[in-house]
Protein backbone atom coordinates (compact mmCIF):
# COMPACT_ATOMS: atom_id res chain seq x y z
CA UNK A 1 -0.17 -0.08 0.22
CA UNK A 2 1.27 3.34 -0.91
CA UNK A 3 2.06 6.05 2.06
CA UNK A 4 0.11 9.12 2.72
CA UNK A 5 2.34 12.08 2.35
CA UNK A 6 0.53 15.14 4.72
CA UNK A 7 1.51 19.19 3.82
CA UNK A 8 1.70 21.45 6.93
CA UNK A 9 -1.43 24.13 6.38
CA UNK A 10 -0.19 27.07 7.83
CA UNK A 11 -3.81 28.50 7.41
CA UNK A 12 -5.57 25.69 9.33
CA UNK A 13 -2.65 24.76 11.53
CA UNK A 14 -3.34 21.52 9.98
CA UNK A 15 -1.65 18.18 8.57
CA UNK A 16 -3.34 18.30 5.13
CA UNK A 17 -3.12 14.71 2.62
CA UNK A 18 -1.63 16.12 -0.25
CA UNK A 19 -3.37 14.56 -3.48
CA UNK A 20 -0.91 12.62 -5.95
CA UNK A 21 -2.17 13.83 -10.10
CA UNK A 22 -0.91 11.64 -12.91
CA UNK A 23 1.20 14.84 -13.50
CA UNK A 24 3.31 14.68 -10.77
CA UNK A 25 3.38 11.06 -10.33
CA UNK A 26 5.39 11.31 -14.17
CA UNK A 27 7.39 13.98 -12.70
CA UNK A 28 8.41 11.63 -10.03
CA UNK A 29 9.31 8.91 -12.00
CA UNK A 30 10.97 10.64 -14.79
CA UNK A 31 13.67 12.53 -11.78
CA UNK A 32 14.02 8.50 -10.28
CA UNK A 33 14.57 7.01 -13.70
CA UNK A 34 17.14 9.96 -15.35
CA UNK A 35 19.22 10.29 -11.40
CA UNK A 36 19.48 6.39 -11.72
CA UNK A 37 20.85 7.06 -15.23
CA UNK A 38 22.98 8.97 -14.44
CA UNK A 39 24.53 7.53 -11.35
CA UNK A 40 24.71 4.36 -13.74
CA UNK A 41 27.12 6.49 -16.43
CA UNK A 42 29.21 7.57 -12.99
CA UNK A 43 29.48 3.83 -12.68
CA UNK A 44 30.13 3.69 -16.03
CA UNK A 45 32.28 5.94 -16.68
CA UNK A 46 34.99 4.59 -13.48
CA UNK A 47 34.77 1.10 -14.45
CA UNK A 48 35.86 2.20 -17.72
CA UNK A 49 38.88 4.40 -16.81
CA UNK A 50 39.98 2.87 -13.74
CA UNK A 51 39.22 -0.59 -14.20
CA UNK A 52 38.99 -3.37 -17.10
CA UNK A 53 37.34 -6.48 -17.92
CA UNK A 54 38.44 -9.63 -17.52
CA UNK A 55 38.46 -9.50 -21.32
CA UNK A 56 40.29 -6.29 -21.72
CA UNK A 57 42.71 -7.91 -19.22
CA UNK A 58 43.28 -10.67 -21.77
CA UNK A 59 43.66 -8.76 -24.79
CA UNK A 60 46.38 -6.64 -23.37
CA UNK A 61 47.75 -9.38 -22.62
CA UNK A 62 48.28 -11.08 -26.13
CA UNK A 63 48.91 -7.07 -27.35
CA UNK A 64 51.77 -7.48 -25.07
CA UNK A 65 53.07 -10.79 -26.28
CA UNK A 66 52.83 -9.67 -29.89
CA UNK A 67 54.68 -6.40 -29.22
CA UNK A 68 57.56 -8.91 -27.32
CA UNK A 69 57.10 -11.15 -30.26
CA UNK A 70 57.58 -7.80 -33.17
CA UNK A 71 60.80 -6.78 -31.21
CA UNK A 72 62.46 -10.53 -30.93
CA UNK A 73 61.34 -10.60 -34.85
CA UNK A 74 62.86 -6.90 -35.02
CA UNK A 75 66.07 -8.04 -33.70
CA UNK A 76 66.07 -11.01 -35.56
CA UNK A 77 65.90 -8.91 -38.90
CA UNK A 78 68.95 -6.95 -38.01
CA UNK A 79 71.00 -9.25 -37.29
CA UNK A 80 69.89 -11.16 -40.98
CA UNK A 81 70.56 -7.37 -42.21
CA UNK A 82 73.67 -7.32 -40.81
CA UNK A 83 75.15 -11.09 -42.58
CA UNK A 84 73.77 -9.33 -45.86
CA UNK A 85 75.78 -5.94 -45.63
CA UNK A 86 78.31 -8.53 -44.77
CA UNK A 87 77.99 -10.55 -47.65
CA UNK A 88 78.19 -6.99 -49.77
CA UNK A 89 80.97 -6.17 -48.89
CA UNK A 90 82.73 -9.53 -49.61
CA UNK A 91 81.18 -9.57 -52.98
CA UNK A 92 82.20 -6.40 -53.94
CA UNK A 93 85.35 -6.18 -52.74
CA UNK A 94 86.79 -9.99 -52.96
CA UNK A 95 85.09 -12.07 -55.22
CA UNK A 96 84.29 -9.15 -57.70
CA UNK A 97 87.89 -7.89 -57.48
CA UNK A 98 89.44 -11.47 -57.85
CA UNK A 99 87.58 -11.27 -61.19
CA UNK A 100 88.04 -8.12 -61.95
CA UNK A 101 84.59 -6.83 -62.36
CA UNK A 102 83.17 -3.56 -60.91
CA UNK A 103 81.08 -4.05 -57.80
CA UNK A 104 77.31 -3.92 -58.05
CA UNK A 105 76.35 -0.11 -58.11
CA UNK A 106 74.87 1.37 -54.92
CA UNK A 107 71.46 2.31 -56.93
CA UNK A 108 70.87 -1.32 -57.78
CA UNK A 109 71.68 -2.34 -54.57
CA UNK A 110 68.77 0.63 -52.73
CA UNK A 111 66.35 -0.19 -55.56
CA UNK A 112 62.97 -0.23 -54.78
CA UNK A 113 63.48 0.58 -51.66
CA UNK A 114 61.36 3.50 -50.21
CA UNK A 115 58.47 5.19 -52.10
CA UNK A 116 55.81 7.87 -49.73
CA UNK A 117 52.37 5.36 -50.48
CA UNK A 118 54.32 2.30 -49.81
CA UNK A 119 53.42 1.77 -46.54
CA UNK A 120 49.93 3.71 -46.81
CA UNK A 121 47.71 0.79 -45.42
CA UNK A 122 49.62 0.88 -42.25
CA UNK A 123 49.20 4.16 -41.13
CA UNK A 124 46.65 5.28 -38.56
CA UNK A 125 46.73 2.63 -35.87
CA UNK A 126 48.03 2.88 -32.28
CA UNK A 127 51.02 0.64 -32.92
CA UNK A 128 51.85 1.89 -37.01
CA UNK A 129 55.63 2.46 -36.18
CA UNK A 130 56.46 -0.93 -35.29
CA UNK A 131 54.68 -2.33 -38.11
CA UNK A 132 56.32 0.07 -40.52
CA UNK A 133 59.51 -0.55 -39.00
CA UNK A 134 59.08 -4.82 -39.83
CA UNK A 135 57.98 -3.82 -43.24
CA UNK A 136 60.22 -2.05 -44.42
CA UNK A 137 62.71 -4.09 -42.54
CA UNK A 138 61.71 -7.50 -44.42
CA UNK A 139 61.39 -5.08 -47.45
CA UNK A 140 65.29 -4.07 -47.65
CA UNK A 141 66.14 -7.29 -46.91
CA UNK A 142 64.21 -9.08 -49.56
CA UNK A 143 65.96 -6.72 -52.41
CA UNK A 144 69.36 -6.97 -50.87
CA UNK A 145 69.28 -10.59 -50.82
CA UNK A 146 67.77 -10.49 -54.41
CA UNK A 147 70.39 -8.37 -55.91
CA UNK A 148 72.98 -10.54 -53.88
CA UNK A 149 71.68 -13.35 -55.36
CA UNK A 150 72.06 -12.45 -58.30
CA UNK A 151 75.71 -11.35 -58.44
CA UNK A 152 76.57 -14.49 -56.91
CA UNK A 153 75.16 -15.59 -60.24
CA UNK A 154 77.34 -13.02 -62.48
CA UNK A 155 80.46 -14.43 -60.00
CA UNK A 156 79.48 -18.27 -60.68
CA UNK A 157 79.64 -17.06 -64.50
CA UNK A 158 83.03 -15.35 -64.06
CA UNK A 159 83.90 -18.42 -61.83
CA UNK A 160 83.00 -20.71 -65.28
CA UNK A 161 84.97 -19.06 -67.43
CA UNK A 162 87.98 -17.99 -65.80
CA UNK A 163 90.47 -20.08 -67.87
CA UNK A 164 88.90 -17.87 -71.04
CA UNK A 165 88.90 -14.64 -69.02
CA UNK A 166 92.63 -15.42 -67.84
CA UNK A 167 93.53 -15.90 -71.86
CA UNK A 168 91.64 -13.20 -72.28
CA UNK A 169 93.29 -10.41 -70.17
CA UNK A 170 96.16 -9.10 -71.92
CA UNK A 171 98.98 -10.20 -69.92
CA UNK A 172 102.12 -10.23 -72.15
CA UNK A 173 104.26 -8.00 -73.49
CA UNK A 174 102.94 -7.73 -77.58
CA UNK A 175 106.74 -7.80 -78.43
CA UNK A 176 109.68 -10.35 -78.54
CA UNK A 177 111.46 -10.49 -75.60
CA UNK A 178 114.54 -9.23 -76.11
CA UNK A 179 113.20 -6.19 -76.73
CA UNK A 180 111.60 -6.05 -73.58
CA UNK A 181 114.40 -3.37 -71.97
CA UNK A 182 113.50 -1.21 -74.75
CA UNK A 183 110.78 0.87 -73.39
CA UNK A 184 111.26 4.41 -74.97
CA UNK A 185 108.46 5.48 -73.25
CA UNK A 186 106.16 4.88 -70.72
CA UNK A 187 102.79 5.45 -69.39
CA UNK A 188 102.17 9.45 -68.38
CA UNK A 189 103.23 12.47 -68.99
CA UNK A 190 106.04 13.19 -71.22
CA UNK A 191 107.74 15.68 -73.39
CA UNK A 192 106.07 14.92 -76.96
CA UNK A 193 108.85 14.37 -79.13
CA UNK A 194 107.46 16.46 -82.31
CA UNK A 195 104.96 19.02 -80.10
CA UNK A 196 108.07 19.60 -77.97
CA UNK A 197 105.13 20.34 -74.95
CA UNK A 198 104.23 18.43 -71.75
CA UNK A 199 101.24 15.69 -72.55
CA UNK A 200 99.96 12.00 -71.34
CA UNK A 201 101.01 9.69 -73.25
CA UNK A 202 98.61 7.52 -73.13
CA UNK A 203 100.33 3.90 -73.54
CA UNK A 204 104.30 2.68 -73.78
CA UNK A 205 107.05 2.78 -76.50
CA UNK A 206 108.75 -0.18 -77.51
CA UNK A 207 111.95 0.63 -79.59
CA UNK A 208 112.24 -1.63 -82.37
CA UNK A 209 113.25 -1.96 -85.65
CA UNK A 210 110.76 -2.00 -88.25
CA UNK A 211 109.62 -5.73 -89.36
CA UNK A 212 110.08 -6.86 -85.58
CA UNK A 213 106.93 -9.01 -85.27
CA UNK A 214 104.00 -7.88 -83.18
CA UNK A 215 102.10 -10.23 -80.68
CA UNK A 216 98.38 -10.27 -79.34
CA UNK A 217 98.64 -9.56 -75.54
CA UNK A 218 95.88 -11.99 -74.91
CA UNK A 219 93.05 -13.67 -76.67
CA UNK A 220 90.18 -11.47 -78.68
CA UNK A 221 88.16 -10.56 -81.80
CA UNK A 222 89.93 -7.73 -83.85
CA UNK A 223 87.65 -4.64 -83.36
CA UNK A 224 89.32 -2.60 -86.06
CA UNK A 225 92.31 -2.43 -88.44
CA UNK A 226 92.90 1.15 -90.06
CA UNK A 227 95.95 2.18 -92.52
CA UNK A 228 97.01 6.02 -92.04
CA UNK A 229 99.23 8.55 -92.42
CA UNK A 230 98.67 10.24 -89.11
CA UNK A 231 98.39 10.15 -85.97
CA UNK A 232 98.44 6.78 -84.68
CA UNK A 233 99.36 5.40 -87.82
CA UNK A 234 98.83 1.44 -89.27
CA UNK A 235 96.64 0.50 -85.52
CA UNK A 236 95.19 -2.46 -85.53
CA UNK A 237 92.35 -2.30 -82.01
CA UNK A 238 91.43 -5.90 -80.26
CA UNK A 239 88.25 -6.60 -77.94
CA UNK A 240 89.39 -9.27 -75.65
CA UNK A 241 86.30 -9.43 -73.78
CA UNK A 242 85.92 -9.15 -70.20
CA UNK A 243 85.74 -5.27 -70.82
CA UNK A 244 89.65 -5.51 -72.04
CA UNK A 245 90.98 -3.77 -75.23
CA UNK A 246 94.33 -3.48 -76.96
CA UNK A 247 95.78 -1.10 -79.10
CA UNK A 248 98.74 -1.38 -81.39
CA UNK A 249 100.03 1.74 -83.08
CA UNK A 250 102.16 3.15 -85.82
CA UNK A 251 102.84 -0.67 -87.77
CA UNK A 252 104.69 -0.79 -90.45
CA UNK A 253 102.20 -4.29 -92.28
CA UNK A 254 99.30 -5.58 -90.40
CA UNK A 255 98.47 -9.29 -90.95
CA UNK A 256 95.16 -9.88 -89.47
CA UNK A 257 91.55 -8.76 -90.14
CA UNK A 258 88.32 -7.29 -88.54
CA UNK A 259 86.39 -9.37 -86.99
CA UNK A 260 89.22 -12.28 -87.06
CA UNK A 261 89.47 -13.88 -84.30
CA UNK A 262 93.25 -14.30 -82.50
CA UNK A 263 94.95 -16.38 -79.69
CA UNK A 264 97.70 -14.68 -77.35
CA UNK A 265 100.83 -14.59 -78.93
CA UNK A 266 99.55 -15.24 -82.26
CA UNK A 267 101.56 -12.42 -84.70
CA UNK A 268 99.16 -9.53 -85.65
CA UNK A 269 101.82 -7.40 -87.57
CA UNK A 270 105.25 -6.15 -87.71
CA UNK A 271 106.51 -2.96 -86.26
CA UNK A 272 106.82 -0.01 -88.64
CA UNK A 273 106.82 3.89 -88.36
CA UNK A 274 103.65 5.12 -89.69
CA UNK A 275 101.73 8.36 -88.72
CA UNK A 276 102.63 10.99 -86.46
CA UNK A 277 106.36 9.05 -85.40
CA UNK A 278 110.05 9.89 -84.93
CA UNK A 279 111.47 6.64 -85.29
CA UNK A 280 110.36 3.20 -85.41
CA UNK A 281 108.81 1.82 -82.41
CA UNK A 282 105.38 0.12 -81.09
CA UNK A 283 102.53 2.48 -79.29
CA UNK A 284 100.87 -0.31 -77.14
CA UNK A 285 97.77 0.81 -74.88
CA UNK A 286 95.39 -1.49 -72.37
CA UNK A 287 92.02 -0.35 -72.29
CA UNK A 288 90.13 -1.51 -69.33
CA UNK A 289 86.22 -0.60 -69.01
CA UNK A 290 86.64 2.22 -71.38
CA UNK A 291 89.86 3.74 -69.32
CA UNK A 292 92.86 3.83 -70.69
CA UNK A 293 95.28 2.09 -67.99
CA UNK A 294 99.47 1.71 -67.45
CA UNK A 295 99.66 -1.55 -70.09
CA UNK A 296 103.27 -2.21 -67.77
CA UNK A 297 100.78 -3.82 -65.06
CA UNK A 298 100.01 -6.37 -67.58
CA UNK A 299 103.15 -7.66 -68.46
CA UNK A 300 102.95 -10.46 -65.63
CA UNK A 301 102.61 -13.72 -67.35
CA UNK A 302 106.03 -13.47 -69.21
CA UNK A 303 108.87 -11.62 -66.57
CA UNK A 304 109.97 -12.85 -64.16
CA UNK A 305 109.65 -10.70 -60.80
CA UNK A 306 113.05 -9.04 -61.07
CA UNK A 307 112.75 -7.77 -64.54
CA UNK A 308 108.98 -6.77 -63.53
CA UNK A 309 110.47 -4.52 -60.73
CA UNK A 310 113.14 -2.93 -62.56
CA UNK A 311 110.39 -1.53 -65.43
CA UNK A 312 108.14 -0.04 -62.58
CA UNK A 313 110.92 1.37 -61.61
CA UNK A 314 112.51 2.95 -64.91
CA UNK A 315 108.17 4.00 -65.23
CA UNK A 316 108.46 5.56 -62.10
CA UNK A 317 111.64 7.49 -62.56
CA UNK A 318 110.91 8.07 -66.54
CA UNK A 319 107.33 10.13 -64.76
CA UNK A 320 109.54 11.93 -61.62
CA UNK A 321 111.40 13.43 -64.09
CA UNK A 322 108.81 14.86 -66.33
CA UNK A 323 106.69 16.11 -63.63
CA UNK A 324 110.09 17.87 -61.58
């Protein structure tokens, strides 16, 4: 039974019962509901901010475990990356040096890495930084291993063709052994015998009588023969492959033709005095990857240690005198 509520009537000095209406009952119930909702909201806010549910605790444990596994994975990726860097270092500075091949350019090793939108789908999450780092590491390592695998395929091919490569390197003097000490001009700066000015001499000159046999310094294919009364005069150019070219200039006669395959030690012509020359001699050049190099560093096949050292000293002495 509902309790009767009384109100004091000051005029009559009596307590009179308050008659409840539908409106008053409605507002009373509504106030009770809103008060309950308000206190429920406070309880929920406090619960969500200061207390975790069993499900949240379980999810947090899983998230912490994922973070730990990501950290372990990144450590392993860092170690694998160091191994890949070590392989690159040995490839460029040991394996390729053995076969006289150029190192793999950095732009090739780093190709395919980066891009502003490459990892856009991983951004915007609470742990995006860790996801981005791991994804980049995986991509970088994959690229390094792909490039390194391709490089090793090339090195393997060079190793398989090592014998052919060694036969192709211009590794002997292009003239008879008895003229090996008759180098009249070395690679480097000299006073030009005709112009009397200091210029860079691109090869070495062997003084020898007209008609002295000239030999191919390595296996290859004749890429050019030409006859001229100017410059290098009669000249032969041989493509040895593997980035090597050799030039034989001021010849008297040429005994080979363009596109002819030749072997190391084969007679290709004879010493002459053609072109811009002051006396019979052979001008000899070696090119490596389209750059002229000092030919005396390639005379290792038919010189003993003493003769080779003497030629090196003579070359150094000659260049020093011109410099002074």
